[in-house]
Amino acid sequence: MTPEEADIMEGDSNTPDVACYRYTSERDTVLLQMEKMDDEVVGTLSYNYFEKDNNNGTFEGKMIGDTLFANYTFGSEETISVRELMFIKKGNNIVEGFGEVEDVNREMN
């Protein structure tokens, strides 16, 4: 299974929408937890890839339709960075989007 095919689990509709995303392979793990109130979303995200620097951080953003747009603030090798995130919800799966980025004052846009 790829990160793009990992399952998403949703919480009770009477409370803030909570979703968890987990991808694991033999040596890699990605964990995402998010809480949605109306269109506002906050959460945590960790990338732990074999033989690469781990990234652990938080994000804040908005859901527009089935797409999450957020800024991810994370630490890696004692450096704090910010980059844009985009995830698209497809049924019970969530897919991370990738595109070209530009480094502007340590923020990847």
PDB file of N, CA and C in Angstrom:
ATOM      1  N   MET A   1       0.849  -1.173   0.000  1.00  0.00           N
ATOM      2  CA  MET A   1       0.000   0.000   0.000  1.00  0.00           C
ATOM      3  C   MET A   1       0.896   1.237   0.000  1.00  0.00           C
ATOM      4  N   THR A   2       0.514   2.230  -0.758  1.00  0.00           N
ATOM      5  CA  THR A   2       1.259   3.484  -0.820  1.00  0.00           C
ATOM      6  C   THR A   2       0.634   4.495   0.129  1.00  0.00           C
ATOM      7  N   PRO A   3       1.357   5.616   0.452  1.00  0.00           N
ATOM      8  CA  PRO A   3       0.740   6.640   1.300  1.00  0.00           C
ATOM      9  C   PRO A   3      -0.563   7.147   0.709  1.00  0.00           C
ATOM     10  N   GLU A   4      -0.647   7.168  -0.607  1.00  0.00           N
ATOM     11  CA  GLU A   4      -1.836   7.671  -1.274  1.00  0.00           C
ATOM     12  C   GLU A   4      -3.044   6.761  -1.068  1.00  0.00           C
ATOM     13  N   GLU A   5      -2.797   5.486  -0.722  1.00  0.00           N
ATOM     14  CA  GLU A   5      -3.879   4.526  -0.581  1.00  0.00           C
ATOM     15  C   GLU A   5      -4.260   4.248   0.877  1.00  0.00           C
ATOM     16  N   ALA A   6      -3.624   4.917   1.812  1.00  0.00           N
ATOM     17  CA  ALA A   6      -3.877   4.648   3.232  1.00  0.00           C
ATOM     18  C   ALA A   6      -5.295   5.061   3.614  1.00  0.00           C
ATOM     19  N   ASP A   7      -5.825   4.382   4.603  1.00  0.00           N
ATOM     20  CA  ASP A   7      -7.202   4.638   5.040  1.00  0.00           C
ATOM     21  C   ASP A   7      -7.289   5.857   5.935  1.00  0.00           C
ATOM     22  N   ILE A   8      -8.459   6.476   5.928  1.00  0.00           N
ATOM     23  CA  ILE A   8      -8.764   7.591   6.825  1.00  0.00           C
ATOM     24  C   ILE A   8      -9.959   7.165   7.665  1.00  0.00           C
ATOM     25  N   MET A   9      -9.929   7.477   8.959  1.00  0.00           N
ATOM     26  CA  MET A   9     -11.012   7.120   9.865  1.00  0.00           C
ATOM     27  C   MET A   9     -11.627   8.404  10.392  1.00  0.00           C
ATOM     28  N   GLU A  10     -12.946   8.512  10.357  1.00  0.00           N
ATOM     29  CA  GLU A  10     -13.615   9.738  10.781  1.00  0.00           C
ATOM     30  C   GLU A  10     -14.346   9.529  12.091  1.00  0.00           C
ATOM     31  N   GLY A  11     -14.469  10.615  12.853  1.00  0.00           N
ATOM     32  CA  GLY A  11     -15.092  10.575  14.171  1.00  0.00           C
ATOM     33  C   GLY A  11     -16.576  10.882  14.128  1.00  0.00           C
ATOM     34  N   ASP A  12     -17.172  11.005  15.293  1.00  0.00           N
ATOM     35  CA  ASP A  12     -18.584  11.292  15.513  1.00  0.00           C
ATOM     36  C   ASP A  12     -18.937  12.677  14.977  1.00  0.00           C
ATOM     37  N   SER A  13     -20.086  12.814  14.302  1.00  0.00           N
ATOM     38  CA  SER A  13     -20.473  14.097  13.709  1.00  0.00           C
ATOM     39  C   SER A  13     -20.948  15.115  14.746  1.00  0.00           C
ATOM     40  N   ASN A  14     -21.212  14.708  16.007  1.00  0.00           N
ATOM     41  CA  ASN A  14     -21.622  15.642  17.053  1.00  0.00           C
ATOM     42  C   ASN A  14     -20.440  16.368  17.687  1.00  0.00           C
ATOM     43  N   THR A  15     -19.266  15.967  17.382  1.00  0.00           N
ATOM     44  CA  THR A  15     -18.047  16.589  17.888  1.00  0.00           C
ATOM     45  C   THR A  15     -17.260  17.091  16.684  1.00  0.00           C
ATOM     46  N   PRO A  16     -16.173  17.812  16.915  1.00  0.00           N
ATOM     47  CA  PRO A  16     -15.368  18.198  15.750  1.00  0.00           C
ATOM     48  C   PRO A  16     -15.000  16.952  14.949  1.00  0.00           C
ATOM     49  N   ASP A  17     -14.990  17.075  13.633  1.00  0.00           N
ATOM     50  CA  ASP A  17     -14.589  15.950  12.794  1.00  0.00           C
ATOM     51  C   ASP A  17     -13.124  15.649  13.054  1.00  0.00           C
ATOM     52  N   VAL A  18     -12.842  14.410  13.415  1.00  0.00           N
ATOM     53  CA  VAL A  18     -11.475  13.976  13.676  1.00  0.00           C
ATOM     54  C   VAL A  18     -11.129  12.899  12.663  1.00  0.00           C
ATOM     55  N   ALA A  19      -9.956  13.015  12.065  1.00  0.00           N
ATOM     56  CA  ALA A  19      -9.522  12.023  11.093  1.00  0.00           C
ATOM     57  C   ALA A  19      -8.090  11.625  11.397  1.00  0.00           C
ATOM     58  N   CYS A  20      -7.794  10.355  11.191  1.00  0.00           N
ATOM     59  CA  CYS A  20      -6.442   9.839  11.367  1.00  0.00           C
ATOM     60  C   CYS A  20      -6.006   9.159  10.081  1.00  0.00           C
ATOM     61  N   TYR A  21      -4.768   9.387   9.718  1.00  0.00           N
ATOM     62  CA  TYR A  21      -4.195   8.809   8.513  1.00  0.00           C
ATOM     63  C   TYR A  21      -2.903   8.138   8.925  1.00  0.00           C
ATOM     64  N   ARG A  22      -2.708   6.917   8.479  1.00  0.00           N
ATOM     65  CA  ARG A  22      -1.474   6.213   8.797  1.00  0.00           C
ATOM     66  C   ARG A  22      -1.008   5.441   7.576  1.00  0.00           C
ATOM     67  N   TYR A  23       0.262   5.603   7.272  1.00  0.00           N
ATOM     68  CA  TYR A  23       0.894   4.810   6.225  1.00  0.00           C
ATOM     69  C   TYR A  23       2.098   4.123   6.846  1.00  0.00           C
ATOM     70  N   THR A  24       2.209   2.826   6.632  1.00  0.00           N
ATOM     71  CA  THR A  24       3.395   2.110   7.083  1.00  0.00           C
ATOM     72  C   THR A  24       3.862   1.187   5.977  1.00  0.00           C
ATOM     73  N   SER A  25       5.164   1.093   5.869  1.00  0.00           N
ATOM     74  CA  SER A  25       5.776   0.102   4.993  1.00  0.00           C
ATOM     75  C   SER A  25       6.807  -0.619   5.842  1.00  0.00           C
ATOM     76  N   GLU A  26       7.655  -1.401   5.225  1.00  0.00           N
ATOM     77  CA  GLU A  26       8.654  -2.137   5.987  1.00  0.00           C
ATOM     78  C   GLU A  26       9.534  -1.210   6.823  1.00  0.00           C
ATOM     79  N   ARG A  27       9.866  -0.022   6.293  1.00  0.00           N
ATOM     80  CA  ARG A  27      10.791   0.872   6.997  1.00  0.00           C
ATOM     81  C   ARG A  27      10.303   2.309   7.129  1.00  0.00           C
ATOM     82  N   ASP A  28       9.158   2.647   6.586  1.00  0.00           N
ATOM     83  CA  ASP A  28       8.671   4.029   6.595  1.00  0.00           C
ATOM     84  C   ASP A  28       7.329   4.122   7.316  1.00  0.00           C
ATOM     85  N   THR A  29       7.093   5.283   7.936  1.00  0.00           N
ATOM     86  CA  THR A  29       5.815   5.547   8.593  1.00  0.00           C
ATOM     87  C   THR A  29       5.446   7.012   8.395  1.00  0.00           C
ATOM     88  N   VAL A  30       4.187   7.257   8.064  1.00  0.00           N
ATOM     89  CA  VAL A  30       3.641   8.609   8.009  1.00  0.00           C
ATOM     90  C   VAL A  30       2.379   8.598   8.866  1.00  0.00           C
ATOM     91  N   LEU A  31       2.283   9.562   9.787  1.00  0.00           N
ATOM     92  CA  LEU A  31       1.114   9.667  10.660  1.00  0.00           C
ATOM     93  C   LEU A  31       0.524  11.062  10.543  1.00  0.00           C
ATOM     94  N   LEU A  32      -0.778  11.147  10.332  1.00  0.00           N
ATOM     95  CA  LEU A  32      -1.476  12.426  10.258  1.00  0.00           C
ATOM     96  C   LEU A  32      -2.718  12.333  11.120  1.00  0.00           C
ATOM     97  N   GLN A  33      -2.928  13.328  11.968  1.00  0.00           N
ATOM     98  CA  GLN A  33      -4.165  13.433  12.741  1.00  0.00           C
ATOM     99  C   GLN A  33      -4.678  14.846  12.554  1.00  0.00           C
ATOM    100  N   MET A  34      -5.972  14.990  12.245  1.00  0.00           N
ATOM    101  CA  MET A  34      -6.519  16.330  12.054  1.00  0.00           C
ATOM    102  C   MET A  34      -7.891  16.449  12.686  1.00  0.00           C
ATOM    103  N   GLU A  35      -8.202  17.685  13.066  1.00  0.00           N
ATOM    104  CA  GLU A  35      -9.488  18.023  13.658  1.00  0.00           C
ATOM    105  C   GLU A  35     -10.079  19.161  12.843  1.00  0.00           C
ATOM    106  N   LYS A  36     -11.339  18.989  12.409  1.00  0.00           N
ATOM    107  CA  LYS A  36     -11.988  19.969  11.535  1.00  0.00           C
ATOM    108  C   LYS A  36     -13.208  20.546  12.235  1.00  0.00           C
ATOM    109  N   MET A  37     -13.249  21.872  12.302  1.00  0.00           N
ATOM    110  CA  MET A  37     -14.420  22.610  12.791  1.00  0.00           C
ATOM    111  C   MET A  37     -14.836  23.542  11.665  1.00  0.00           C
ATOM    112  N   ASP A  38     -16.013  23.314  11.097  1.00  0.00           N
ATOM    113  CA  ASP A  38     -16.456  24.039   9.907  1.00  0.00           C
ATOM    114  C   ASP A  38     -15.413  23.815   8.813  1.00  0.00           C
ATOM    115  N   ASP A  39     -14.811  24.884   8.288  1.00  0.00           N
ATOM    116  CA  ASP A  39     -13.793  24.717   7.249  1.00  0.00           C
ATOM    117  C   ASP A  39     -12.370  24.764   7.797  1.00  0.00           C
ATOM    118  N   GLU A  40     -12.219  25.112   9.086  1.00  0.00           N
ATOM    119  CA  GLU A  40     -10.890  25.239   9.698  1.00  0.00           C
ATOM    120  C   GLU A  40     -10.370  23.865  10.122  1.00  0.00           C
ATOM    121  N   VAL A  41      -9.086  23.610   9.850  1.00  0.00           N
ATOM    122  CA  VAL A  41      -8.476  22.324  10.172  1.00  0.00           C
ATOM    123  C   VAL A  41      -7.146  22.556  10.883  1.00  0.00           C
ATOM    124  N   VAL A  42      -6.906  21.810  11.951  1.00  0.00           N
ATOM    125  CA  VAL A  42      -5.613  21.800  12.635  1.00  0.00           C
ATOM    126  C   VAL A  42      -5.215  20.346  12.844  1.00  0.00           C
ATOM    127  N   GLY A  43      -3.910  20.111  12.973  1.00  0.00           N
ATOM    128  CA  GLY A  43      -3.495  18.739  13.202  1.00  0.00           C
ATOM    129  C   GLY A  43      -2.008  18.576  13.353  1.00  0.00           C
ATOM    130  N   THR A  44      -1.600  17.307  13.448  1.00  0.00           N
ATOM    131  CA  THR A  44      -0.194  16.950  13.543  1.00  0.00           C
ATOM    132  C   THR A  44       0.156  16.019  12.390  1.00  0.00           C
ATOM    133  N   LEU A  45       1.418  16.072  11.988  1.00  0.00           N
ATOM    134  CA  LEU A  45       1.884  15.253  10.876  1.00  0.00           C
ATOM    135  C   LEU A  45       3.328  14.863  11.133  1.00  0.00           C
ATOM    136  N   SER A  46       3.636  13.585  10.954  1.00  0.00           N
ATOM    137  CA  SER A  46       4.996  13.075  11.128  1.00  0.00           C
ATOM    138  C   SER A  46       5.369  12.208   9.938  1.00  0.00           C
ATOM    139  N   TYR A  47       6.529  12.503   9.362  1.00  0.00           N
ATOM    140  CA  TYR A  47       7.107  11.682   8.303  1.00  0.00           C
ATOM    141  C   TYR A  47       8.354  11.018   8.875  1.00  0.00           C
ATOM    142  N   ASN A  48       8.394   9.706   8.862  1.00  0.00           N
ATOM    143  CA  ASN A  48       9.558   8.955   9.330  1.00  0.00           C
ATOM    144  C   ASN A  48       9.969   7.985   8.231  1.00  0.00           C
ATOM    145  N   TYR A  49      10.840   8.453   7.348  1.00  0.00           N
ATOM    146  CA  TYR A  49      11.313   7.655   6.226  1.00  0.00           C
ATOM    147  C   TYR A  49      12.686   7.081   6.539  1.00  0.00           C
ATOM    148  N   PHE A  50      12.905   5.851   6.151  1.00  0.00           N
ATOM    149  CA  PHE A  50      14.173   5.166   6.372  1.00  0.00           C
ATOM    150  C   PHE A  50      15.318   5.948   5.733  1.00  0.00           C
ATOM    151  N   GLU A  51      16.374   6.140   6.501  1.00  0.00           N
ATOM    152  CA  GLU A  51      17.597   6.817   6.058  1.00  0.00           C
ATOM    153  C   GLU A  51      17.376   8.249   5.583  1.00  0.00           C
ATOM    154  N   LYS A  52      16.315   8.902   6.078  1.00  0.00           N
ATOM    155  CA  LYS A  52      16.074  10.319   5.799  1.00  0.00           C
ATOM    156  C   LYS A  52      15.757  11.005   7.119  1.00  0.00           C
ATOM    157  N   ASP A  53      15.904  12.329   7.144  1.00  0.00           N
ATOM    158  CA  ASP A  53      15.564  13.077   8.349  1.00  0.00           C
ATOM    159  C   ASP A  53      14.074  12.939   8.641  1.00  0.00           C
ATOM    160  N   ASN A  54      13.740  12.744   9.915  1.00  0.00           N
ATOM    161  CA  ASN A  54      12.336  12.714  10.324  1.00  0.00           C
ATOM    162  C   ASN A  54      11.793  14.131  10.367  1.00  0.00           C
ATOM    163  N   ASN A  55      10.526  14.302  10.011  1.00  0.00           N
ATOM    164  CA  ASN A  55       9.827  15.583  10.111  1.00  0.00           C
ATOM    165  C   ASN A  55       8.634  15.386  11.026  1.00  0.00           C
ATOM    166  N   ASN A  56       8.534  16.215  12.062  1.00  0.00           N
ATOM    167  CA  ASN A  56       7.412  16.169  12.995  1.00  0.00           C
ATOM    168  C   ASN A  56       6.920  17.584  13.201  1.00  0.00           C
ATOM    169  N   GLY A  57       5.594  17.786  13.049  1.00  0.00           N
ATOM    170  CA  GLY A  57       5.102  19.140  13.226  1.00  0.00           C
ATOM    171  C   GLY A  57       3.596  19.227  13.289  1.00  0.00           C
ATOM    172  N   THR A  58       3.131  20.471  13.178  1.00  0.00           N
ATOM    173  CA  THR A  58       1.705  20.767  13.234  1.00  0.00           C
ATOM    174  C   THR A  58       1.305  21.532  11.981  1.00  0.00           C
ATOM    175  N   PHE A  59       0.011  21.515  11.692  1.00  0.00           N
ATOM    176  CA  PHE A  59      -0.473  22.279  10.546  1.00  0.00           C
ATOM    177  C   PHE A  59      -1.789  22.952  10.881  1.00  0.00           C
ATOM    178  N   GLU A  60      -2.059  24.042  10.155  1.00  0.00           N
ATOM    179  CA  GLU A  60      -3.321  24.774  10.240  1.00  0.00           C
ATOM    180  C   GLU A  60      -3.736  25.114   8.828  1.00  0.00           C
ATOM    181  N   GLY A  61      -5.022  24.964   8.543  1.00  0.00           N
ATOM    182  CA  GLY A  61      -5.473  25.288   7.206  1.00  0.00           C
ATOM    183  C   GLY A  61      -6.972  25.237   7.072  1.00  0.00           C
ATOM    184  N   LYS A  62      -7.416  25.040   5.836  1.00  0.00           N
ATOM    185  CA  LYS A  62      -8.842  25.036   5.508  1.00  0.00           C
ATOM    186  C   LYS A  62      -9.161  23.859   4.596  1.00  0.00           C
ATOM    187  N   MET A  63     -10.387  23.345   4.757  1.00  0.00           N
ATOM    188  CA  MET A  63     -10.933  22.377   3.813  1.00  0.00           C
ATOM    189  C   MET A  63     -11.746  23.161   2.805  1.00  0.00           C
ATOM    190  N   ILE A  64     -11.439  22.973   1.554  1.00  0.00           N
ATOM    191  CA  ILE A  64     -12.215  23.557   0.465  1.00  0.00           C
ATOM    192  C   ILE A  64     -12.707  22.379  -0.360  1.00  0.00           C
ATOM    193  N   GLY A  65     -13.988  22.074  -0.204  1.00  0.00           N
ATOM    194  CA  GLY A  65     -14.527  20.872  -0.828  1.00  0.00           C
ATOM    195  C   GLY A  65     -13.892  19.655  -0.186  1.00  0.00           C
ATOM    196  N   ASP A  66     -13.265  18.811  -0.994  1.00  0.00           N
ATOM    197  CA  ASP A  66     -12.610  17.611  -0.476  1.00  0.00           C
ATOM    198  C   ASP A  66     -11.096  17.775  -0.354  1.00  0.00           C
ATOM    199  N   THR A  67     -10.621  19.037  -0.397  1.00  0.00           N
ATOM    200  CA  THR A  67      -9.180  19.296  -0.403  1.00  0.00           C
ATOM    201  C   THR A  67      -8.755  20.105   0.816  1.00  0.00           C
ATOM    202  N   LEU A  68      -7.717  19.631   1.494  1.00  0.00           N
ATOM    203  CA  LEU A  68      -7.120  20.339   2.620  1.00  0.00           C
ATOM    204  C   LEU A  68      -5.937  21.154   2.111  1.00  0.00           C
ATOM    205  N   PHE A  69      -5.948  22.456   2.404  1.00  0.00           N
ATOM    206  CA  PHE A  69      -4.823  23.348   2.134  1.00  0.00           C
ATOM    207  C   PHE A  69      -4.337  23.841   3.491  1.00  0.00           C
ATOM    208  N   ALA A  70      -3.048  23.663   3.792  1.00  0.00           N
ATOM    209  CA  ALA A  70      -2.555  24.037   5.119  1.00  0.00           C
ATOM    210  C   ALA A  70      -1.089  24.424   5.071  1.00  0.00           C
ATOM    211  N   ASN A  71      -0.654  25.122   6.116  1.00  0.00           N
ATOM    212  CA  ASN A  71       0.762  25.397   6.340  1.00  0.00           C
ATOM    213  C   ASN A  71       1.243  24.450   7.425  1.00  0.00           C
ATOM    214  N   TYR A  72       2.309  23.732   7.128  1.00  0.00           N
ATOM    215  CA  TYR A  72       2.893  22.722   8.007  1.00  0.00           C
ATOM    216  C   TYR A  72       4.173  23.283   8.608  1.00  0.00           C
ATOM    217  N   THR A  73       4.196  23.434   9.924  1.00  0.00           N
ATOM    218  CA  THR A  73       5.381  23.901  10.641  1.00  0.00           C
ATOM    219  C   THR A  73       6.017  22.682  11.288  1.00  0.00           C
ATOM    220  N   PHE A  74       7.270  22.418  10.926  1.00  0.00           N
ATOM    221  CA  PHE A  74       7.890  21.178  11.373  1.00  0.00           C
ATOM    222  C   PHE A  74       9.358  21.374  11.731  1.00  0.00           C
ATOM    223  N   GLY A  75       9.849  20.448  12.532  1.00  0.00           N
ATOM    224  CA  GLY A  75      11.253  20.432  12.898  1.00  0.00           C
ATOM    225  C   GLY A  75      11.940  19.245  12.263  1.00  0.00           C
ATOM    226  N   SER A  76      13.154  19.498  11.771  1.00  0.00           N
ATOM    227  CA  SER A  76      13.969  18.450  11.184  1.00  0.00           C
ATOM    228  C   SER A  76      15.423  18.848  11.381  1.00  0.00           C
ATOM    229  N   GLU A  77      16.201  17.960  12.018  1.00  0.00           N
ATOM    230  CA  GLU A  77      17.619  18.273  12.251  1.00  0.00           C
ATOM    231  C   GLU A  77      17.793  19.609  12.965  1.00  0.00           C
ATOM    232  N   GLU A  78      16.993  19.864  13.998  1.00  0.00           N
ATOM    233  CA  GLU A  78      17.070  21.078  14.816  1.00  0.00           C
ATOM    234  C   GLU A  78      16.764  22.363  14.052  1.00  0.00           C
ATOM    235  N   THR A  79      16.127  22.268  12.897  1.00  0.00           N
ATOM    236  CA  THR A  79      15.725  23.430  12.110  1.00  0.00           C
ATOM    237  C   THR A  79      14.204  23.448  12.027  1.00  0.00           C
ATOM    238  N   ILE A  80      13.610  24.630  12.232  1.00  0.00           N
ATOM    239  CA  ILE A  80      12.162  24.786  12.097  1.00  0.00           C
ATOM    240  C   ILE A  80      11.878  25.359  10.711  1.00  0.00           C
ATOM    241  N   SER A  81      10.966  24.723   9.991  1.00  0.00           N
ATOM    242  CA  SER A  81      10.602  25.152   8.640  1.00  0.00           C
ATOM    243  C   SER A  81       9.092  25.167   8.502  1.00  0.00           C
ATOM    244  N   VAL A  82       8.616  25.842   7.455  1.00  0.00           N
ATOM    245  CA  VAL A  82       7.189  25.878   7.132  1.00  0.00           C
ATOM    246  C   VAL A  82       7.044  25.566   5.652  1.00  0.00           C
ATOM    247  N   ARG A  83       6.070  24.707   5.332  1.00  0.00           N
ATOM    248  CA  ARG A  83       5.766  24.449   3.922  1.00  0.00           C
ATOM    249  C   ARG A  83       4.273  24.240   3.760  1.00  0.00           C
ATOM    250  N   GLU A  84       3.815  24.458   2.541  1.00  0.00           N
ATOM    251  CA  GLU A  84       2.400  24.241   2.238  1.00  0.00           C
ATOM    252  C   GLU A  84       2.126  22.751   2.101  1.00  0.00           C
ATOM    253  N   LEU A  85       0.936  22.356   2.539  1.00  0.00           N
ATOM    254  CA  LEU A  85       0.444  20.993   2.382  1.00  0.00           C
ATOM    255  C   LEU A  85      -0.827  21.016   1.559  1.00  0.00           C
ATOM    256  N   MET A  86      -1.065  19.946   0.846  1.00  0.00           N
ATOM    257  CA  MET A  86      -2.345  19.753   0.182  1.00  0.00           C
ATOM    258  C   MET A  86      -2.655  18.265   0.214  1.00  0.00           C
ATOM    259  N   PHE A  87      -3.815  17.926   0.738  1.00  0.00           N
ATOM    260  CA  PHE A  87      -4.304  16.557   0.729  1.00  0.00           C
ATOM    261  C   PHE A  87      -5.691  16.561   0.113  1.00  0.00           C
ATOM    262  N   ILE A  88      -5.979  15.565  -0.698  1.00  0.00           N
ATOM    263  CA  ILE A  88      -7.300  15.403  -1.307  1.00  0.00           C
ATOM    264  C   ILE A  88      -7.926  14.142  -0.731  1.00  0.00           C
ATOM    265  N   LYS A  89      -9.158  14.279  -0.244  1.00  0.00           N
ATOM    266  CA  LYS A  89      -9.889  13.137   0.281  1.00  0.00           C
ATOM    267  C   LYS A  89     -10.602  12.449  -0.876  1.00  0.00           C
ATOM    268  N   LYS A  90     -10.361  11.148  -1.007  1.00  0.00           N
ATOM    269  CA  LYS A  90     -11.005  10.339  -2.042  1.00  0.00           C
ATOM    270  C   LYS A  90     -11.645   9.136  -1.368  1.00  0.00           C
ATOM    271  N   GLY A  91     -12.949   9.231  -1.115  1.00  0.00           N
ATOM    272  CA  GLY A  91     -13.635   8.163  -0.391  1.00  0.00           C
ATOM    273  C   GLY A  91     -13.070   8.046   1.006  1.00  0.00           C
ATOM    274  N   ASN A  92     -12.628   6.855   1.376  1.00  0.00           N
ATOM    275  CA  ASN A  92     -12.015   6.641   2.688  1.00  0.00           C
ATOM    276  C   ASN A  92     -10.506   6.789   2.657  1.00  0.00           C
ATOM    277  N   ASN A  93      -9.970   7.293   1.573  1.00  0.00           N
ATOM    278  CA  ASN A  93      -8.531   7.489   1.431  1.00  0.00           C
ATOM    279  C   ASN A  93      -8.202   8.964   1.395  1.00  0.00           C
ATOM    280  N   ILE A  94      -6.940   9.267   1.624  1.00  0.00           N
ATOM    281  CA  ILE A  94      -6.457  10.641   1.527  1.00  0.00           C
ATOM    282  C   ILE A  94      -5.155  10.603   0.729  1.00  0.00           C
ATOM    283  N   VAL A  95      -5.007  11.554  -0.180  1.00  0.00           N
ATOM    284  CA  VAL A  95      -3.862  11.579  -1.088  1.00  0.00           C
ATOM    285  C   VAL A  95      -3.129  12.896  -0.910  1.00  0.00           C
ATOM    286  N   GLU A  96      -1.815  12.823  -0.690  1.00  0.00           N
ATOM    287  CA  GLU A  96      -1.034  14.052  -0.577  1.00  0.00           C
ATOM    288  C   GLU A  96      -0.684  14.553  -1.965  1.00  0.00           C
ATOM    289  N   GLY A  97      -0.898  15.848  -2.174  1.00  0.00           N
ATOM    290  CA  GLY A  97      -0.556  16.466  -3.448  1.00  0.00           C
ATOM    291  C   GLY A  97       0.849  17.035  -3.408  1.00  0.00           C
ATOM    292  N   PHE A  98       1.506  17.024  -4.538  1.00  0.00           N
ATOM    293  CA  PHE A  98       2.858  17.556  -4.656  1.00  0.00           C
ATOM    294  C   PHE A  98       2.924  18.480  -5.852  1.00  0.00           C
ATOM    295  N   GLY A  99       3.765  19.481  -5.766  1.00  0.00           N
ATOM    296  CA  GLY A  99       3.965  20.406  -6.875  1.00  0.00           C
ATOM    297  C   GLY A  99       5.252  21.168  -6.663  1.00  0.00           C
ATOM    298  N   GLU A 100       5.503  22.126  -7.525  1.00  0.00           N
ATOM    299  CA  GLU A 100       6.708  22.932  -7.400  1.00  0.00           C
ATOM    300  C   GLU A 100       6.588  23.854  -6.199  1.00  0.00           C
ATOM    301  N   VAL A 101       7.707  24.053  -5.502  1.00  0.00           N
ATOM    302  CA  VAL A 101       7.734  24.928  -4.334  1.00  0.00           C
ATOM    303  C   VAL A 101       8.860  25.933  -4.465  1.00  0.00           C
ATOM    304  N   GLU A 102       8.713  27.032  -3.738  1.00  0.00           N
ATOM    305  CA  GLU A 102       9.714  28.089  -3.727  1.00  0.00           C
ATOM    306  C   GLU A 102      10.032  28.415  -2.274  1.00  0.00           C
ATOM    307  N   ASP A 103      11.319  28.523  -1.932  1.00  0.00           N
ATOM    308  CA  ASP A 103      11.753  28.857  -0.576  1.00  0.00           C
ATOM    309  C   ASP A 103      11.747  30.368  -0.408  1.00  0.00           C
ATOM    310  N   VAL A 104      10.834  30.868   0.453  1.00  0.00           N
ATOM    311  CA  VAL A 104      10.735  32.300   0.736  1.00  0.00           C
ATOM    312  C   VAL A 104      10.883  32.473   2.241  1.00  0.00           C
ATOM    313  N   ASN A 105      12.047  32.949   2.680  1.00  0.00           N
ATOM    314  CA  ASN A 105      12.312  33.149   4.110  1.00  0.00           C
ATOM    315  C   ASN A 105      12.009  31.913   4.942  1.00  0.00           C
ATOM    316  N   ARG A 106      12.540  30.765   4.518  1.00  0.00           N
ATOM    317  CA  ARG A 106      12.370  29.478   5.209  1.00  0.00           C
ATOM    318  C   ARG A 106      10.948  28.945   5.158  1.00  0.00           C
ATOM    319  N   GLU A 107      10.095  29.508   4.319  1.00  0.00           N
ATOM    320  CA  GLU A 107       8.761  28.964   4.097  1.00  0.00           C
ATOM    321  C   GLU A 107       8.701  28.458   2.673  1.00  0.00           C
ATOM    322  N   MET A 108       8.258  27.205   2.531  1.00  0.00           N
ATOM    323  CA  MET A 108       8.148  26.606   1.209  1.00  0.00           C
ATOM    324  C   MET A 108       6.747  26.872   0.680  1.00  0.00           C
ATOM    325  N   ASN A 109       6.664  27.669  -0.395  1.00  0.00           N
ATOM    326  CA  ASN A 109       5.377  28.047  -0.982  1.00  0.00           C
ATOM    327  C   ASN A 109       5.290  27.564  -2.411  1.00  0.00           C
TER     328      ASN A 109
END
